[in-house]
Amino acid sequence: MSDFVTVSEGRAKLPQLVKQLASDGGQVVVTVHGKPKVMMMNYDDYMEILDMYAFGITPQVLQESLDSGISTMTLEDLKKEHGLED
């Protein structure tokens, strides 16, 4: 679940938010006039999402796999299996 902050709160708490996201992960949504405008997240989490999309693994594909009972593996194991380690 994402935390929501106004742009004013985000500006005032930016160092704290960066430290929190870097260590704990998660997301923070910044709102302007009550409407979500920007999401901040841990960089490693973001890169993992990009890697998943590069493999064609979308949230829908993940859910379908879980619903059908297909066994899953970590992204790191998938990279190793296909020789794509960093």
Protein backbone atom coordinates (compact mmCIF):
# COMPACT_ATOMS: atom_id res chain seq x y z
CA MET A 1 0.00 0.00 0.00
CA SER A 2 1.26 3.45 -0.88
CA ASP A 3 1.56 6.38 1.48
CA PHE A 4 0.16 9.69 0.25
CA VAL A 5 1.69 13.11 0.92
CA THR A 6 0.90 16.55 -0.43
CA VAL A 7 3.56 18.26 -2.48
CA SER A 8 4.18 20.61 0.47
CA GLU A 9 4.63 17.67 2.86
CA GLY A 10 6.85 15.92 0.34
CA ARG A 11 9.07 18.97 -0.02
CA ALA A 12 9.41 19.31 3.76
CA LYS A 13 10.03 15.60 4.33
CA LEU A 14 12.08 14.74 1.23
CA PRO A 15 15.28 13.64 3.04
CA GLN A 16 13.22 11.48 5.42
CA LEU A 17 11.16 9.98 2.57
CA VAL A 18 14.28 9.14 0.54
CA LYS A 19 15.87 7.44 3.55
CA GLN A 20 12.68 5.50 4.30
CA LEU A 21 12.19 4.34 0.69
CA ALA A 22 15.84 3.42 0.30
CA SER A 23 15.84 1.24 3.40
CA ASP A 24 12.28 -0.10 3.64
CA GLY A 25 10.98 -0.01 0.06
CA GLY A 26 7.36 0.83 -0.59
CA GLN A 27 5.94 3.79 -2.43
CA VAL A 28 4.97 7.36 -1.68
CA VAL A 29 2.40 9.11 -3.86
CA VAL A 30 2.66 12.89 -4.05
CA THR A 31 -0.63 14.71 -4.51
CA VAL A 32 -1.46 18.17 -5.84
CA HIS A 33 -4.86 19.52 -4.85
CA GLY A 34 -5.78 16.03 -3.62
CA LYS A 35 -4.98 14.28 -6.91
CA PRO A 36 -2.09 11.81 -7.32
CA LYS A 37 0.59 13.28 -9.59
CA VAL A 38 3.91 11.51 -8.85
CA MET A 39 5.00 8.27 -7.23
CA MET A 40 8.37 7.80 -5.54
CA MET A 41 9.74 4.34 -4.89
CA ASN A 42 12.92 2.45 -4.04
CA TYR A 43 15.26 2.38 -7.05
CA ASP A 44 15.98 -1.36 -6.78
CA ASP A 45 12.24 -2.11 -6.72
CA TYR A 46 11.79 0.05 -9.81
CA MET A 47 14.59 -1.73 -11.67
CA GLU A 48 13.08 -5.11 -10.77
CA ILE A 49 9.75 -4.02 -12.26
CA LEU A 50 11.53 -2.94 -15.46
CA ASP A 51 13.31 -6.32 -15.61
CA MET A 52 10.01 -8.14 -15.22
CA TYR A 53 8.45 -6.18 -18.08
CA ALA A 54 11.51 -6.89 -20.23
CA PHE A 55 10.74 -10.61 -19.76
CA GLY A 56 7.08 -9.99 -20.59
CA ILE A 57 6.04 -10.56 -16.99
CA THR A 58 3.14 -8.19 -16.34
CA PRO A 59 0.93 -8.08 -13.24
CA GLN A 60 -1.76 -9.91 -15.27
CA VAL A 61 0.68 -12.68 -16.23
CA LEU A 62 1.79 -13.04 -12.61
CA GLN A 63 -1.81 -13.27 -11.38
CA GLU A 64 -2.74 -15.82 -14.05
CA SER A 65 0.26 -17.93 -13.07
CA LEU A 66 -0.67 -17.82 -9.41
CA ASP A 67 -4.33 -18.58 -10.16
CA SER A 68 -3.42 -21.59 -12.30
CA GLY A 69 -1.10 -23.03 -9.67
CA ILE A 70 2.04 -22.70 -11.79
CA SER A 71 5.11 -22.72 -9.59
CA THR A 72 7.07 -19.49 -9.51
CA MET A 73 10.71 -18.52 -9.15
CA THR A 74 12.50 -15.35 -8.17
CA LEU A 75 13.62 -12.91 -10.83
CA GLU A 76 17.22 -13.63 -9.84
CA ASP A 77 16.71 -17.36 -10.46
CA LEU A 78 15.05 -16.62 -13.79
CA LYS A 79 18.02 -14.46 -14.83
CA LYS A 80 20.44 -17.22 -13.81
CA GLU A 81 18.47 -19.83 -15.73
CA HIS A 82 18.68 -17.74 -18.89
CA GLY A 83 22.27 -16.55 -18.40
CA LEU A 84 21.26 -12.93 -17.81
CA GLU A 85 22.99 -12.25 -14.53
CA ASP A 86 24.26 -8.71 -13.97
